[in-house]
Amino acid sequence: MIGLLQRVSSASVRIEGETIGEIGPGLLMLAGFRSGDRAERIPRLVERVLNYRVFADEQGRMNRSLRDTGGGLLVVPQFTLAADTNSGNRPSFTPAASPSEGESLFEALVEQVKRDWSDSAFGCFGADMQVTLVNDGPVTFWIEVD
């Protein structure tokens, strides 16, 4: 399971011109799933995201988490994160979860985030989405949960 976290001043996701999710300051998480990822690991991923210290404290050090700051969390599915890019000029998606597996895992992720974080918004699995963000820093981290 992959979570690409971006600290944002704001972020939104649109489908066919309609905004389906948006947040102010907080985190945008692009979520990717590999074949063999298990739904029972999703709580651990969400725990890491909510507790990951990427926001500045009074001394300007990254020492505060989303839980500390109370910001928003926008979660967007992105299967391309699971691509194998180690050879050639074209990515291979062999490592990615199947569409049905990925959708099931994303739905489980959405439910877990809704339980754990009220200021949350979501993209739509399988949709052609346009994601807009203002990356604050820029600050971006790759988190994996096996």
N, C-alpha and C. Protein backbone atom coordinates (compact mmCIF):
# COMPACT_ATOMS: atom_id res chain seq x y z
N MET A 1 0.84 -1.16 0.00
CA MET A 1 0.00 0.00 0.00
C MET A 1 0.89 1.23 0.00
N ILE A 2 0.56 2.16 -0.85
CA ILE A 2 1.38 3.37 -0.99
C ILE A 2 0.52 4.59 -0.72
N GLY A 3 1.07 5.50 0.06
CA GLY A 3 0.45 6.80 0.27
C GLY A 3 1.47 7.86 -0.08
N LEU A 4 1.22 8.62 -1.11
CA LEU A 4 2.07 9.76 -1.45
C LEU A 4 1.43 10.98 -0.81
N LEU A 5 2.09 11.51 0.21
CA LEU A 5 1.55 12.64 0.98
C LEU A 5 2.13 13.95 0.50
N GLN A 6 1.27 14.93 0.31
CA GLN A 6 1.72 16.27 -0.02
C GLN A 6 1.07 17.24 0.95
N ARG A 7 1.92 18.02 1.64
CA ARG A 7 1.41 19.05 2.53
C ARG A 7 0.89 20.17 1.65
N VAL A 8 -0.35 20.57 1.87
CA VAL A 8 -0.98 21.55 0.97
C VAL A 8 -1.57 22.73 1.73
N SER A 9 -1.61 23.85 1.05
CA SER A 9 -2.38 25.00 1.53
C SER A 9 -3.85 24.81 1.18
N SER A 10 -4.07 24.15 0.04
CA SER A 10 -5.42 23.78 -0.40
C SER A 10 -5.30 22.71 -1.47
N ALA A 11 -6.37 21.95 -1.64
CA ALA A 11 -6.41 20.91 -2.68
C ALA A 11 -7.86 20.59 -3.01
N SER A 12 -8.08 20.20 -4.25
CA SER A 12 -9.43 19.81 -4.65
C SER A 12 -9.34 18.77 -5.76
N VAL A 13 -10.45 18.06 -5.95
CA VAL A 13 -10.55 17.08 -7.03
C VAL A 13 -11.88 17.32 -7.74
N ARG A 14 -11.80 17.30 -9.08
CA ARG A 14 -12.97 17.54 -9.91
C ARG A 14 -13.17 16.38 -10.88
N ILE A 15 -14.43 16.13 -11.19
CA ILE A 15 -14.80 15.16 -12.22
C ILE A 15 -15.80 15.86 -13.14
N GLU A 16 -15.48 15.88 -14.43
CA GLU A 16 -16.35 16.51 -15.44
C GLU A 16 -16.77 17.91 -15.01
N GLY A 17 -15.81 18.68 -14.48
CA GLY A 17 -16.06 20.07 -14.12
C GLY A 17 -16.70 20.29 -12.76
N GLU A 18 -17.09 19.23 -12.07
CA GLU A 18 -17.74 19.36 -10.77
C GLU A 18 -16.76 18.99 -9.66
N THR A 19 -16.62 19.88 -8.69
CA THR A 19 -15.76 19.61 -7.54
C THR A 19 -16.45 18.57 -6.66
N ILE A 20 -15.75 17.46 -6.43
CA ILE A 20 -16.33 16.40 -5.59
C ILE A 20 -15.66 16.34 -4.22
N GLY A 21 -14.54 17.02 -4.06
CA GLY A 21 -13.84 17.04 -2.78
C GLY A 21 -12.85 18.17 -2.74
N GLU A 22 -12.76 18.83 -1.58
CA GLU A 22 -11.76 19.88 -1.43
C GLU A 22 -11.45 20.10 0.04
N ILE A 23 -10.23 20.55 0.28
CA ILE A 23 -9.78 20.86 1.63
C ILE A 23 -9.00 22.16 1.61
N GLY A 24 -8.86 22.75 2.79
CA GLY A 24 -7.96 23.88 2.98
C GLY A 24 -6.60 23.32 3.38
N PRO A 25 -5.92 23.96 4.30
CA PRO A 25 -4.61 23.46 4.73
C PRO A 25 -4.71 22.04 5.27
N GLY A 26 -3.74 21.21 4.90
CA GLY A 26 -3.74 19.84 5.36
C GLY A 26 -2.87 18.96 4.49
N LEU A 27 -3.36 17.75 4.21
CA LEU A 27 -2.63 16.77 3.42
C LEU A 27 -3.47 16.25 2.27
N LEU A 28 -2.83 16.13 1.12
CA LEU A 28 -3.38 15.39 -0.02
C LEU A 28 -2.66 14.06 -0.02
N MET A 29 -3.43 12.97 -0.01
CA MET A 29 -2.83 11.65 -0.10
C MET A 29 -3.29 10.99 -1.39
N LEU A 30 -2.32 10.69 -2.25
CA LEU A 30 -2.58 9.87 -3.42
C LEU A 30 -2.34 8.44 -2.98
N ALA A 31 -3.33 7.57 -3.17
CA ALA A 31 -3.28 6.20 -2.65
C ALA A 31 -3.16 5.20 -3.79
N GLY A 32 -2.15 4.34 -3.68
CA GLY A 32 -1.95 3.29 -4.67
C GLY A 32 -1.89 1.93 -4.01
N PHE A 33 -2.37 0.92 -4.71
CA PHE A 33 -2.43 -0.43 -4.16
C PHE A 33 -1.74 -1.41 -5.08
N ARG A 34 -0.98 -2.31 -4.48
CA ARG A 34 -0.30 -3.36 -5.22
C ARG A 34 -1.04 -4.69 -5.03
N SER A 35 -0.82 -5.57 -5.96
CA SER A 35 -1.35 -6.92 -5.83
C SER A 35 -0.84 -7.51 -4.53
N GLY A 36 -1.71 -8.11 -3.77
CA GLY A 36 -1.32 -8.70 -2.49
C GLY A 36 -1.53 -7.79 -1.30
N ASP A 37 -1.83 -6.49 -1.52
CA ASP A 37 -2.14 -5.60 -0.39
C ASP A 37 -3.39 -6.11 0.30
N ARG A 38 -3.42 -5.96 1.63
CA ARG A 38 -4.53 -6.51 2.42
C ARG A 38 -5.28 -5.40 3.14
N ALA A 39 -6.58 -5.49 3.15
CA ALA A 39 -7.43 -4.48 3.78
C ALA A 39 -7.13 -4.33 5.27
N GLU A 40 -6.70 -5.40 5.92
CA GLU A 40 -6.43 -5.28 7.36
C GLU A 40 -5.24 -4.39 7.68
N ARG A 41 -4.46 -4.00 6.68
CA ARG A 41 -3.34 -3.07 6.89
C ARG A 41 -3.76 -1.60 6.73
N ILE A 42 -4.96 -1.37 6.26
CA ILE A 42 -5.42 0.01 6.04
C ILE A 42 -5.44 0.84 7.32
N PRO A 43 -5.89 0.32 8.46
CA PRO A 43 -5.83 1.13 9.68
C PRO A 43 -4.41 1.62 9.99
N ARG A 44 -3.41 0.80 9.72
CA ARG A 44 -2.01 1.20 9.96
C ARG A 44 -1.62 2.34 9.02
N LEU A 45 -2.02 2.27 7.76
CA LEU A 45 -1.72 3.35 6.82
C LEU A 45 -2.36 4.65 7.28
N VAL A 46 -3.62 4.60 7.65
CA VAL A 46 -4.33 5.81 8.10
C VAL A 46 -3.69 6.36 9.37
N GLU A 47 -3.33 5.49 10.28
CA GLU A 47 -2.65 5.92 11.52
C GLU A 47 -1.36 6.66 11.20
N ARG A 48 -0.58 6.11 10.28
CA ARG A 48 0.68 6.76 9.90
C ARG A 48 0.42 8.12 9.27
N VAL A 49 -0.56 8.20 8.39
CA VAL A 49 -0.86 9.48 7.73
C VAL A 49 -1.29 10.53 8.75
N LEU A 50 -2.17 10.18 9.64
CA LEU A 50 -2.68 11.15 10.61
C LEU A 50 -1.63 11.57 11.63
N ASN A 51 -0.66 10.71 11.89
CA ASN A 51 0.36 11.00 12.90
C ASN A 51 1.71 11.42 12.33
N TYR A 52 1.84 11.44 11.01
CA TYR A 52 3.12 11.78 10.37
C TYR A 52 3.41 13.26 10.57
N ARG A 53 4.57 13.56 11.12
CA ARG A 53 4.90 14.93 11.51
C ARG A 53 5.51 15.69 10.33
N VAL A 54 4.68 16.44 9.63
CA VAL A 54 5.12 17.18 8.45
C VAL A 54 4.80 18.67 8.54
N PHE A 55 4.20 19.09 9.65
CA PHE A 55 3.85 20.50 9.82
C PHE A 55 4.79 21.15 10.82
N ALA A 56 5.07 22.42 10.61
CA ALA A 56 6.05 23.14 11.42
C ALA A 56 5.54 23.41 12.83
N ASP A 57 6.45 23.29 13.79
CA ASP A 57 6.16 23.70 15.16
C ASP A 57 6.60 25.16 15.33
N GLU A 58 6.65 25.63 16.56
CA GLU A 58 7.01 27.03 16.83
C GLU A 58 8.43 27.37 16.40
N GLN A 59 9.31 26.38 16.33
CA GLN A 59 10.69 26.60 15.90
C GLN A 59 10.87 26.38 14.39
N GLY A 60 9.79 26.11 13.69
CA GLY A 60 9.87 25.90 12.25
C GLY A 60 10.30 24.49 11.85
N ARG A 61 10.35 23.57 12.79
CA ARG A 61 10.73 22.19 12.49
C ARG A 61 9.49 21.35 12.23
N MET A 62 9.62 20.40 11.33
CA MET A 62 8.50 19.50 11.04
C MET A 62 8.31 18.59 12.24
N ASN A 63 7.42 19.00 13.13
CA ASN A 63 7.25 18.28 14.38
C ASN A 63 5.78 18.13 14.76
N ARG A 64 4.88 18.53 13.85
CA ARG A 64 3.45 18.45 14.14
C ARG A 64 2.75 17.62 13.07
N SER A 65 1.76 16.88 13.51
CA SER A 65 1.01 15.99 12.61
C SER A 65 -0.33 16.63 12.23
N LEU A 66 -1.04 15.94 11.36
CA LEU A 66 -2.39 16.38 11.00
C LEU A 66 -3.27 16.36 12.25
N ARG A 67 -3.09 15.38 13.10
CA ARG A 67 -3.84 15.34 14.36
C ARG A 67 -3.56 16.57 15.20
N ASP A 68 -2.32 17.04 15.20
CA ASP A 68 -1.94 18.22 15.98
C ASP A 68 -2.51 19.51 15.39
N THR A 69 -2.55 19.59 14.06
CA THR A 69 -2.95 20.84 13.41
C THR A 69 -4.43 20.90 13.10
N GLY A 70 -5.08 19.74 12.99
CA GLY A 70 -6.51 19.72 12.69
C GLY A 70 -6.85 20.05 11.26
N GLY A 71 -5.93 19.88 10.34
CA GLY A 71 -6.17 20.20 8.93
C GLY A 71 -7.03 19.17 8.22
N GLY A 72 -7.22 19.41 6.94
CA GLY A 72 -8.02 18.51 6.11
C GLY A 72 -7.19 17.39 5.51
N LEU A 73 -7.88 16.34 5.05
CA LEU A 73 -7.24 15.22 4.38
C LEU A 73 -8.05 14.89 3.14
N LEU A 74 -7.43 15.06 1.98
CA LEU A 74 -8.05 14.70 0.71
C LEU A 74 -7.36 13.44 0.20
N VAL A 75 -8.13 12.37 -0.01
CA VAL A 75 -7.60 11.07 -0.43
C VAL A 75 -8.07 10.79 -1.85
N VAL A 76 -7.09 10.56 -2.74
CA VAL A 76 -7.38 10.36 -4.15
C VAL A 76 -6.72 9.06 -4.61
N PRO A 77 -7.48 8.15 -5.22
CA PRO A 77 -6.88 6.91 -5.72
C PRO A 77 -6.00 7.19 -6.92
N GLN A 78 -4.82 6.54 -6.95
CA GLN A 78 -3.92 6.72 -8.09
C GLN A 78 -3.15 5.43 -8.32
N PHE A 79 -3.68 4.58 -9.20
CA PHE A 79 -3.09 3.27 -9.43
C PHE A 79 -1.69 3.37 -10.03
N THR A 80 -1.34 4.47 -10.69
CA THR A 80 -0.02 4.59 -11.31
C THR A 80 1.11 4.58 -10.29
N LEU A 81 0.80 4.82 -9.00
CA LEU A 81 1.85 4.75 -7.98
C LEU A 81 2.43 3.35 -7.87
N ALA A 82 1.68 2.34 -8.24
CA ALA A 82 2.13 0.95 -8.13
C ALA A 82 2.90 0.49 -9.36
N ALA A 83 3.16 1.38 -10.29
CA ALA A 83 3.84 1.00 -11.53
C ALA A 83 5.29 0.59 -11.28
N ASP A 84 5.77 -0.33 -12.10
CA ASP A 84 7.19 -0.69 -12.12
C ASP A 84 7.85 0.21 -13.17
N THR A 85 8.76 1.05 -12.73
CA THR A 85 9.43 1.99 -13.63
C THR A 85 10.92 1.70 -13.75
N ASN A 86 11.33 0.48 -13.42
CA ASN A 86 12.75 0.15 -13.36
C ASN A 86 13.41 -0.09 -14.71
N SER A 87 12.65 -0.31 -15.76
CA SER A 87 13.30 -0.55 -17.05
C SER A 87 12.47 0.05 -18.17
N GLY A 88 13.16 0.39 -19.23
CA GLY A 88 12.49 0.91 -20.42
C GLY A 88 11.92 2.30 -20.22
N ASN A 89 11.14 2.71 -21.19
CA ASN A 89 10.55 4.04 -21.19
C ASN A 89 9.05 4.03 -21.02
N ARG A 90 8.52 2.88 -20.68
CA ARG A 90 7.08 2.77 -20.47
C ARG A 90 6.84 2.02 -19.16
N PRO A 91 5.99 2.56 -18.29
CA PRO A 91 5.75 1.88 -17.01
C PRO A 91 4.99 0.57 -17.21
N SER A 92 5.26 -0.37 -16.33
CA SER A 92 4.52 -1.63 -16.30
C SER A 92 3.60 -1.58 -15.08
N PHE A 93 2.36 -1.96 -15.28
CA PHE A 93 1.40 -1.95 -14.19
C PHE A 93 1.15 -3.35 -13.63
N THR A 94 2.03 -4.29 -13.95
CA THR A 94 1.92 -5.65 -13.45
C THR A 94 1.86 -5.70 -11.92
N PRO A 95 2.63 -4.87 -11.20
CA PRO A 95 2.57 -4.93 -9.73
C PRO A 95 1.28 -4.38 -9.13
N ALA A 96 0.52 -3.62 -9.89
CA ALA A 96 -0.68 -2.98 -9.35
C ALA A 96 -1.78 -4.00 -9.05
N ALA A 97 -2.58 -3.67 -8.05
CA ALA A 97 -3.75 -4.49 -7.74
C ALA A 97 -4.69 -4.48 -8.95
N SER A 98 -5.44 -5.55 -9.11
CA SER A 98 -6.44 -5.59 -10.18
C SER A 98 -7.46 -4.48 -9.92
N PRO A 99 -8.19 -4.05 -10.95
CA PRO A 99 -9.19 -3.00 -10.73
C PRO A 99 -10.19 -3.33 -9.62
N SER A 100 -10.68 -4.55 -9.57
CA SER A 100 -11.66 -4.89 -8.53
C SER A 100 -11.01 -4.89 -7.15
N GLU A 101 -9.79 -5.42 -7.07
CA GLU A 101 -9.03 -5.43 -5.81
C GLU A 101 -8.74 -4.00 -5.37
N GLY A 102 -8.28 -3.17 -6.30
CA GLY A 102 -7.96 -1.77 -5.98
C GLY A 102 -9.18 -1.00 -5.52
N GLU A 103 -10.30 -1.22 -6.19
CA GLU A 103 -11.52 -0.52 -5.80
C GLU A 103 -11.97 -0.93 -4.40
N SER A 104 -11.90 -2.21 -4.11
CA SER A 104 -12.28 -2.70 -2.80
C SER A 104 -11.37 -2.11 -1.71
N LEU A 105 -10.08 -2.07 -1.97
CA LEU A 105 -9.14 -1.50 -1.01
C LEU A 105 -9.36 0.01 -0.84
N PHE A 106 -9.63 0.70 -1.93
CA PHE A 106 -9.88 2.14 -1.82
C PHE A 106 -11.15 2.40 -1.02
N GLU A 107 -12.20 1.61 -1.25
CA GLU A 107 -13.43 1.78 -0.48
C GLU A 107 -13.19 1.54 1.01
N ALA A 108 -12.38 0.54 1.32
CA ALA A 108 -12.03 0.27 2.72
C ALA A 108 -11.23 1.43 3.30
N LEU A 109 -10.34 2.01 2.50
CA LEU A 109 -9.56 3.17 2.94
C LEU A 109 -10.48 4.35 3.23
N VAL A 110 -11.42 4.61 2.35
CA VAL A 110 -12.38 5.70 2.54
C VAL A 110 -13.14 5.52 3.85
N GLU A 111 -13.63 4.31 4.09
CA GLU A 111 -14.39 4.06 5.31
C GLU A 111 -13.54 4.26 6.56
N GLN A 112 -12.28 3.84 6.51
CA GLN A 112 -11.38 4.01 7.66
C GLN A 112 -11.10 5.48 7.91
N VAL A 113 -10.83 6.23 6.85
CA VAL A 113 -10.56 7.67 7.01
C VAL A 113 -11.79 8.38 7.57
N LYS A 114 -12.97 8.03 7.06
CA LYS A 114 -14.20 8.65 7.58
C LYS A 114 -14.37 8.39 9.06
N ARG A 115 -14.01 7.19 9.51
CA ARG A 115 -14.11 6.86 10.94
C ARG A 115 -13.10 7.66 11.77
N ASP A 116 -11.90 7.85 11.21
CA ASP A 116 -10.80 8.41 11.99
C ASP A 116 -10.60 9.91 11.84
N TRP A 117 -11.15 10.52 10.77
CA TRP A 117 -10.86 11.94 10.52
C TRP A 117 -12.07 12.62 9.87
N SER A 118 -12.66 13.54 10.61
CA SER A 118 -13.90 14.16 10.13
C SER A 118 -13.68 15.13 8.98
N ASP A 119 -12.56 15.85 8.97
CA ASP A 119 -12.30 16.82 7.90
C ASP A 119 -11.62 16.11 6.74
N SER A 120 -12.40 15.30 6.03
CA SER A 120 -11.83 14.51 4.94
C SER A 120 -12.70 14.62 3.69
N ALA A 121 -12.06 14.42 2.55
CA ALA A 121 -12.74 14.43 1.26
C ALA A 121 -12.05 13.39 0.38
N PHE A 122 -12.71 12.98 -0.71
CA PHE A 122 -12.23 11.84 -1.46
C PHE A 122 -12.42 12.01 -2.96
N GLY A 123 -11.49 11.42 -3.70
CA GLY A 123 -11.65 11.25 -5.12
C GLY A 123 -12.52 10.03 -5.38
N CYS A 124 -12.63 9.66 -6.64
CA CYS A 124 -13.51 8.55 -7.04
C CYS A 124 -12.69 7.51 -7.82
N PHE A 125 -12.71 6.28 -7.34
CA PHE A 125 -11.94 5.22 -7.97
C PHE A 125 -12.38 5.03 -9.43
N GLY A 126 -11.41 4.96 -10.32
CA GLY A 126 -11.68 4.67 -11.72
C GLY A 126 -12.12 5.86 -12.56
N ALA A 127 -12.30 7.01 -11.94
CA ALA A 127 -12.77 8.19 -12.67
C ALA A 127 -11.59 8.97 -13.26
N ASP A 128 -11.88 9.73 -14.30
CA ASP A 128 -10.91 10.67 -14.85
C ASP A 128 -11.02 11.94 -14.01
N MET A 129 -10.07 12.16 -13.14
CA MET A 129 -10.13 13.27 -12.18
C MET A 129 -9.09 14.32 -12.51
N GLN A 130 -9.40 15.54 -12.13
CA GLN A 130 -8.44 16.62 -12.19
C GLN A 130 -8.19 17.06 -10.75
N VAL A 131 -6.94 16.94 -10.33
CA VAL A 131 -6.56 17.28 -8.97
C VAL A 131 -5.78 18.58 -8.99
N THR A 132 -6.23 19.52 -8.18
CA THR A 132 -5.55 20.81 -8.06
C THR A 132 -5.02 20.93 -6.64
N LEU A 133 -3.77 21.39 -6.52
CA LEU A 133 -3.22 21.55 -5.19
C LEU A 133 -2.22 22.69 -5.16
N VAL A 134 -2.09 23.26 -3.98
CA VAL A 134 -1.01 24.20 -3.72
C VAL A 134 -0.13 23.49 -2.70
N ASN A 135 1.01 22.96 -3.19
CA ASN A 135 1.92 22.21 -2.34
C ASN A 135 2.65 23.21 -1.46
N ASP A 136 2.53 23.03 -0.16
CA ASP A 136 3.10 23.95 0.82
C ASP A 136 4.51 23.49 1.16
N GLY A 137 5.49 24.22 0.69
CA GLY A 137 6.88 23.90 1.00
C GLY A 137 7.80 23.99 -0.20
N PRO A 138 7.77 23.12 -1.15
CA PRO A 138 6.94 21.93 -1.25
C PRO A 138 7.39 20.83 -0.29
N VAL A 139 6.42 20.10 0.21
CA VAL A 139 6.68 18.99 1.12
C VAL A 139 5.92 17.78 0.59
N THR A 140 6.65 16.72 0.26
CA THR A 140 6.06 15.49 -0.27
C THR A 140 6.77 14.29 0.31
N PHE A 141 6.01 13.29 0.79
CA PHE A 141 6.57 12.08 1.36
C PHE A 141 5.86 10.85 0.80
N TRP A 142 6.64 9.79 0.61
CA TRP A 142 6.18 8.49 0.15
C TRP A 142 6.11 7.58 1.36
N ILE A 143 4.92 7.05 1.66
CA ILE A 143 4.75 6.13 2.78
C ILE A 143 4.28 4.79 2.23
N GLU A 144 4.91 3.72 2.69
CA GLU A 144 4.47 2.39 2.30
C GLU A 144 4.11 1.58 3.54
N VAL A 145 3.07 0.80 3.42
CA VAL A 145 2.67 -0.14 4.47
C VAL A 145 2.53 -1.48 3.79
N ASP A 146 3.33 -2.43 4.21
CA ASP A 146 3.28 -3.78 3.62
C ASP A 146 2.41 -4.69 4.45
